Amino acid sequence: MLPFVLCNTSILMLRVLVMGEVNVSFIETVILSVPDDLRTLEHIQPLWSALEEQVSQQRVYSLGISDLSKVQLEELYDWASVRFAVFYSYG
């Protein structure tokens, strides 16, 4: 695992690293997974906004989210400009 702190800058840095490493011009889907204690809309919003910016620049085509509750999914869906195309649950 790369030692990144969750923030807007780390989203951009990871995208640049991944795209450079595999030599592609876009990433098909990014699925955001955050630690249990950060699974609130307040913590997800800045990260999701950074990912939405990557979608608007056509560097990422679709977004996904993992392991949120139904209420959290609804909050993100209602707030987001770019809606998640993928929901993944580990359990």
N, C-alpha and C. Protein backbone atom coordinates (compact mmCIF):
# COMPACT_ATOMS: atom_id res chain seq x y z
N MET A 1 0.84 -1.17 0.00
CA MET A 1 0.00 0.00 0.00
C MET A 1 0.89 1.23 0.00
N LEU A 2 0.52 2.21 -0.80
CA LEU A 2 1.27 3.46 -0.86
C LEU A 2 0.95 4.33 0.36
N PRO A 3 1.94 5.05 0.89
CA PRO A 3 1.73 5.85 2.10
C PRO A 3 1.12 7.21 1.79
N PHE A 4 -0.12 7.26 1.36
CA PHE A 4 -0.79 8.51 1.05
C PHE A 4 -1.82 8.85 2.13
N VAL A 5 -1.90 10.12 2.46
CA VAL A 5 -2.97 10.61 3.32
C VAL A 5 -4.14 10.92 2.41
N LEU A 6 -5.34 10.60 2.84
CA LEU A 6 -6.52 10.88 2.02
C LEU A 6 -6.74 12.38 1.91
N CYS A 7 -6.55 12.91 0.70
CA CYS A 7 -6.81 14.33 0.43
C CYS A 7 -6.88 14.50 -1.07
N ASN A 8 -7.26 15.71 -1.50
CA ASN A 8 -7.39 15.99 -2.93
C ASN A 8 -6.08 15.79 -3.67
N THR A 9 -4.97 16.22 -3.07
CA THR A 9 -3.67 16.10 -3.71
C THR A 9 -3.28 14.65 -3.90
N SER A 10 -3.58 13.80 -2.92
CA SER A 10 -3.22 12.38 -3.06
C SER A 10 -4.01 11.72 -4.18
N ILE A 11 -5.25 12.14 -4.40
CA ILE A 11 -6.04 11.61 -5.52
C ILE A 11 -5.33 11.91 -6.84
N LEU A 12 -4.91 13.16 -7.02
CA LEU A 12 -4.21 13.55 -8.24
C LEU A 12 -2.89 12.80 -8.37
N MET A 13 -2.13 12.71 -7.30
CA MET A 13 -0.84 12.03 -7.33
C MET A 13 -1.00 10.55 -7.69
N LEU A 14 -1.98 9.89 -7.10
CA LEU A 14 -2.21 8.49 -7.41
C LEU A 14 -2.61 8.29 -8.86
N ARG A 15 -3.46 9.16 -9.36
CA ARG A 15 -3.89 9.07 -10.76
C ARG A 15 -2.69 9.20 -11.69
N VAL A 16 -1.83 10.17 -11.43
CA VAL A 16 -0.65 10.38 -12.26
C VAL A 16 0.28 9.16 -12.18
N LEU A 17 0.50 8.65 -10.96
CA LEU A 17 1.35 7.47 -10.79
C LEU A 17 0.81 6.26 -11.54
N VAL A 18 -0.47 5.99 -11.38
CA VAL A 18 -1.07 4.81 -12.02
C VAL A 18 -1.03 4.96 -13.54
N MET A 19 -1.43 6.11 -14.04
CA MET A 19 -1.47 6.29 -15.49
C MET A 19 -0.06 6.22 -16.08
N GLY A 20 0.92 6.76 -15.37
CA GLY A 20 2.30 6.70 -15.86
C GLY A 20 2.86 5.29 -15.82
N GLU A 21 2.55 4.56 -14.75
CA GLU A 21 3.08 3.21 -14.58
C GLU A 21 2.57 2.25 -15.66
N VAL A 22 1.31 2.35 -15.99
CA VAL A 22 0.74 1.43 -16.98
C VAL A 22 0.59 2.07 -18.36
N ASN A 23 1.04 3.31 -18.48
CA ASN A 23 1.08 4.01 -19.76
C ASN A 23 -0.29 4.05 -20.45
N VAL A 24 -1.27 4.60 -19.76
CA VAL A 24 -2.61 4.76 -20.33
C VAL A 24 -3.00 6.23 -20.26
N SER A 25 -3.98 6.62 -21.06
CA SER A 25 -4.43 8.01 -21.07
C SER A 25 -5.67 8.24 -20.23
N PHE A 26 -6.27 7.15 -19.71
CA PHE A 26 -7.44 7.28 -18.84
C PHE A 26 -7.53 6.05 -17.94
N ILE A 27 -8.32 6.18 -16.89
CA ILE A 27 -8.62 5.07 -15.99
C ILE A 27 -10.10 4.80 -16.12
N GLU A 28 -10.46 3.55 -16.38
CA GLU A 28 -11.87 3.20 -16.60
C GLU A 28 -12.73 3.51 -15.38
N THR A 29 -12.38 2.97 -14.20
CA THR A 29 -13.19 3.13 -13.00
C THR A 29 -12.29 3.25 -11.78
N VAL A 30 -12.62 4.21 -10.92
CA VAL A 30 -11.96 4.33 -9.61
C VAL A 30 -13.01 4.02 -8.55
N ILE A 31 -12.69 3.08 -7.67
CA ILE A 31 -13.59 2.75 -6.56
C ILE A 31 -12.96 3.27 -5.28
N LEU A 32 -13.66 4.18 -4.63
CA LEU A 32 -13.17 4.79 -3.40
C LEU A 32 -13.57 3.94 -2.21
N SER A 33 -12.58 3.61 -1.41
CA SER A 33 -12.81 2.89 -0.16
C SER A 33 -12.12 3.66 0.95
N VAL A 34 -12.86 4.01 1.97
CA VAL A 34 -12.29 4.79 3.07
C VAL A 34 -12.36 3.97 4.36
N PRO A 35 -11.46 4.26 5.30
CA PRO A 35 -11.49 3.55 6.59
C PRO A 35 -12.83 3.75 7.31
N ASP A 36 -13.16 2.79 8.15
CA ASP A 36 -14.44 2.82 8.89
C ASP A 36 -14.71 4.16 9.55
N ASP A 37 -13.71 4.73 10.21
CA ASP A 37 -13.93 5.96 10.97
C ASP A 37 -14.05 7.20 10.08
N LEU A 38 -13.85 7.06 8.78
CA LEU A 38 -13.99 8.18 7.85
C LEU A 38 -15.18 8.01 6.90
N ARG A 39 -16.05 7.09 7.19
CA ARG A 39 -17.19 6.82 6.30
C ARG A 39 -18.37 7.73 6.62
N THR A 40 -18.12 9.02 6.50
CA THR A 40 -19.18 10.01 6.64
C THR A 40 -19.15 10.89 5.40
N LEU A 41 -20.27 11.48 5.07
CA LEU A 41 -20.33 12.36 3.91
C LEU A 41 -19.33 13.50 4.06
N GLU A 42 -19.17 14.01 5.26
CA GLU A 42 -18.22 15.11 5.52
C GLU A 42 -16.80 14.73 5.09
N HIS A 43 -16.39 13.50 5.36
CA HIS A 43 -15.04 13.06 5.00
C HIS A 43 -14.94 12.64 3.53
N ILE A 44 -16.01 12.11 2.99
CA ILE A 44 -16.00 11.61 1.62
C ILE A 44 -16.10 12.76 0.61
N GLN A 45 -16.82 13.82 0.93
CA GLN A 45 -17.06 14.91 -0.02
C GLN A 45 -15.80 15.47 -0.67
N PRO A 46 -14.76 15.84 0.07
CA PRO A 46 -13.58 16.40 -0.62
C PRO A 46 -12.89 15.39 -1.53
N LEU A 47 -12.87 14.14 -1.14
CA LEU A 47 -12.27 13.11 -1.98
C LEU A 47 -13.10 12.89 -3.24
N TRP A 48 -14.42 12.83 -3.05
CA TRP A 48 -15.31 12.62 -4.19
C TRP A 48 -15.23 13.81 -5.15
N SER A 49 -15.13 15.01 -4.62
CA SER A 49 -14.99 16.21 -5.47
C SER A 49 -13.73 16.12 -6.32
N ALA A 50 -12.63 15.66 -5.71
CA ALA A 50 -11.38 15.50 -6.46
C ALA A 50 -11.54 14.45 -7.56
N LEU A 51 -12.25 13.38 -7.26
CA LEU A 51 -12.50 12.35 -8.27
C LEU A 51 -13.42 12.88 -9.37
N GLU A 52 -14.42 13.67 -9.00
CA GLU A 52 -15.31 14.27 -10.00
C GLU A 52 -14.52 15.16 -10.96
N GLU A 53 -13.52 15.85 -10.44
CA GLU A 53 -12.67 16.68 -11.29
C GLU A 53 -11.92 15.82 -12.31
N GLN A 54 -11.47 14.65 -11.89
CA GLN A 54 -10.79 13.74 -12.82
C GLN A 54 -11.75 13.24 -13.90
N VAL A 55 -13.01 13.04 -13.53
CA VAL A 55 -14.03 12.64 -14.51
C VAL A 55 -14.27 13.79 -15.49
N SER A 56 -14.37 15.01 -14.99
CA SER A 56 -14.62 16.15 -15.88
C SER A 56 -13.47 16.38 -16.85
N GLN A 57 -12.25 15.98 -16.46
CA GLN A 57 -11.08 16.09 -17.34
C GLN A 57 -10.91 14.85 -18.23
N GLN A 58 -11.85 13.92 -18.14
CA GLN A 58 -11.85 12.68 -18.91
C GLN A 58 -10.60 11.83 -18.65
N ARG A 59 -10.07 11.93 -17.43
CA ARG A 59 -8.95 11.08 -17.00
C ARG A 59 -9.47 9.82 -16.33
N VAL A 60 -10.67 9.91 -15.77
CA VAL A 60 -11.37 8.78 -15.15
C VAL A 60 -12.76 8.75 -15.77
N TYR A 61 -13.25 7.58 -16.15
CA TYR A 61 -14.54 7.48 -16.81
C TYR A 61 -15.71 7.27 -15.86
N SER A 62 -15.50 6.50 -14.78
CA SER A 62 -16.61 6.29 -13.85
C SER A 62 -16.07 6.11 -12.44
N LEU A 63 -16.96 6.34 -11.47
CA LEU A 63 -16.59 6.27 -10.07
C LEU A 63 -17.41 5.21 -9.35
N GLY A 64 -16.81 4.65 -8.33
CA GLY A 64 -17.50 3.69 -7.48
C GLY A 64 -17.16 3.95 -6.03
N ILE A 65 -17.90 3.33 -5.16
CA ILE A 65 -17.71 3.48 -3.71
C ILE A 65 -17.90 2.11 -3.08
N SER A 66 -17.26 1.90 -1.94
CA SER A 66 -17.42 0.60 -1.29
C SER A 66 -17.77 0.76 0.18
N ASP A 67 -18.50 -0.24 0.66
CA ASP A 67 -18.79 -0.42 2.09
C ASP A 67 -19.45 0.75 2.81
N LEU A 68 -20.42 1.37 2.16
CA LEU A 68 -21.21 2.39 2.85
C LEU A 68 -22.57 1.79 3.21
N SER A 69 -23.19 2.36 4.21
CA SER A 69 -24.54 1.93 4.58
C SER A 69 -25.53 2.49 3.55
N LYS A 70 -26.75 2.02 3.60
CA LYS A 70 -27.79 2.52 2.70
C LYS A 70 -27.97 4.02 2.86
N VAL A 71 -27.99 4.49 4.10
CA VAL A 71 -28.16 5.93 4.36
C VAL A 71 -26.98 6.72 3.78
N GLN A 72 -25.76 6.21 3.99
CA GLN A 72 -24.58 6.89 3.46
C GLN A 72 -24.59 6.92 1.93
N LEU A 73 -25.01 5.82 1.32
CA LEU A 73 -25.12 5.77 -0.14
C LEU A 73 -26.12 6.80 -0.65
N GLU A 74 -27.26 6.90 0.02
CA GLU A 74 -28.27 7.87 -0.38
C GLU A 74 -27.76 9.30 -0.23
N GLU A 75 -27.04 9.58 0.86
CA GLU A 75 -26.49 10.92 1.07
C GLU A 75 -25.49 11.27 -0.04
N LEU A 76 -24.60 10.34 -0.35
CA LEU A 76 -23.63 10.59 -1.41
C LEU A 76 -24.32 10.76 -2.76
N TYR A 77 -25.28 9.92 -3.05
CA TYR A 77 -26.00 10.00 -4.31
C TYR A 77 -26.71 11.35 -4.46
N ASP A 78 -27.35 11.80 -3.39
CA ASP A 78 -28.08 13.08 -3.44
C ASP A 78 -27.13 14.27 -3.57
N TRP A 79 -25.95 14.17 -2.99
CA TRP A 79 -25.01 15.29 -2.97
C TRP A 79 -24.16 15.36 -4.24
N ALA A 80 -23.72 14.23 -4.75
CA ALA A 80 -22.70 14.18 -5.81
C ALA A 80 -23.20 14.71 -7.14
N SER A 81 -22.28 15.33 -7.87
CA SER A 81 -22.55 15.73 -9.26
C SER A 81 -22.35 14.53 -10.19
N VAL A 82 -21.28 13.76 -9.92
CA VAL A 82 -21.02 12.52 -10.66
C VAL A 82 -21.46 11.38 -9.76
N ARG A 83 -22.48 10.68 -10.17
CA ARG A 83 -23.03 9.59 -9.35
C ARG A 83 -22.17 8.35 -9.49
N PHE A 84 -22.13 7.56 -8.44
CA PHE A 84 -21.35 6.32 -8.50
C PHE A 84 -22.01 5.33 -9.44
N ALA A 85 -21.16 4.66 -10.22
CA ALA A 85 -21.65 3.63 -11.14
C ALA A 85 -21.48 2.24 -10.55
N VAL A 86 -20.65 2.15 -9.52
CA VAL A 86 -20.33 0.86 -8.89
C VAL A 86 -20.44 1.01 -7.39
N PHE A 87 -21.10 0.04 -6.76
CA PHE A 87 -21.08 -0.06 -5.30
C PHE A 87 -20.58 -1.46 -4.97
N TYR A 88 -19.54 -1.50 -4.16
CA TYR A 88 -18.92 -2.77 -3.79
C TYR A 88 -19.01 -2.94 -2.27
N SER A 89 -19.43 -4.10 -1.84
CA SER A 89 -19.51 -4.39 -0.42
C SER A 89 -18.72 -5.64 -0.10
N TYR A 90 -17.87 -5.55 0.91
CA TYR A 90 -17.04 -6.69 1.30
C TYR A 90 -17.81 -7.70 2.13
N GLY A 91 -18.90 -7.25 2.75
CA GLY A 91 -19.55 -8.17 3.66
C GLY A 91 -21.00 -8.33 3.50
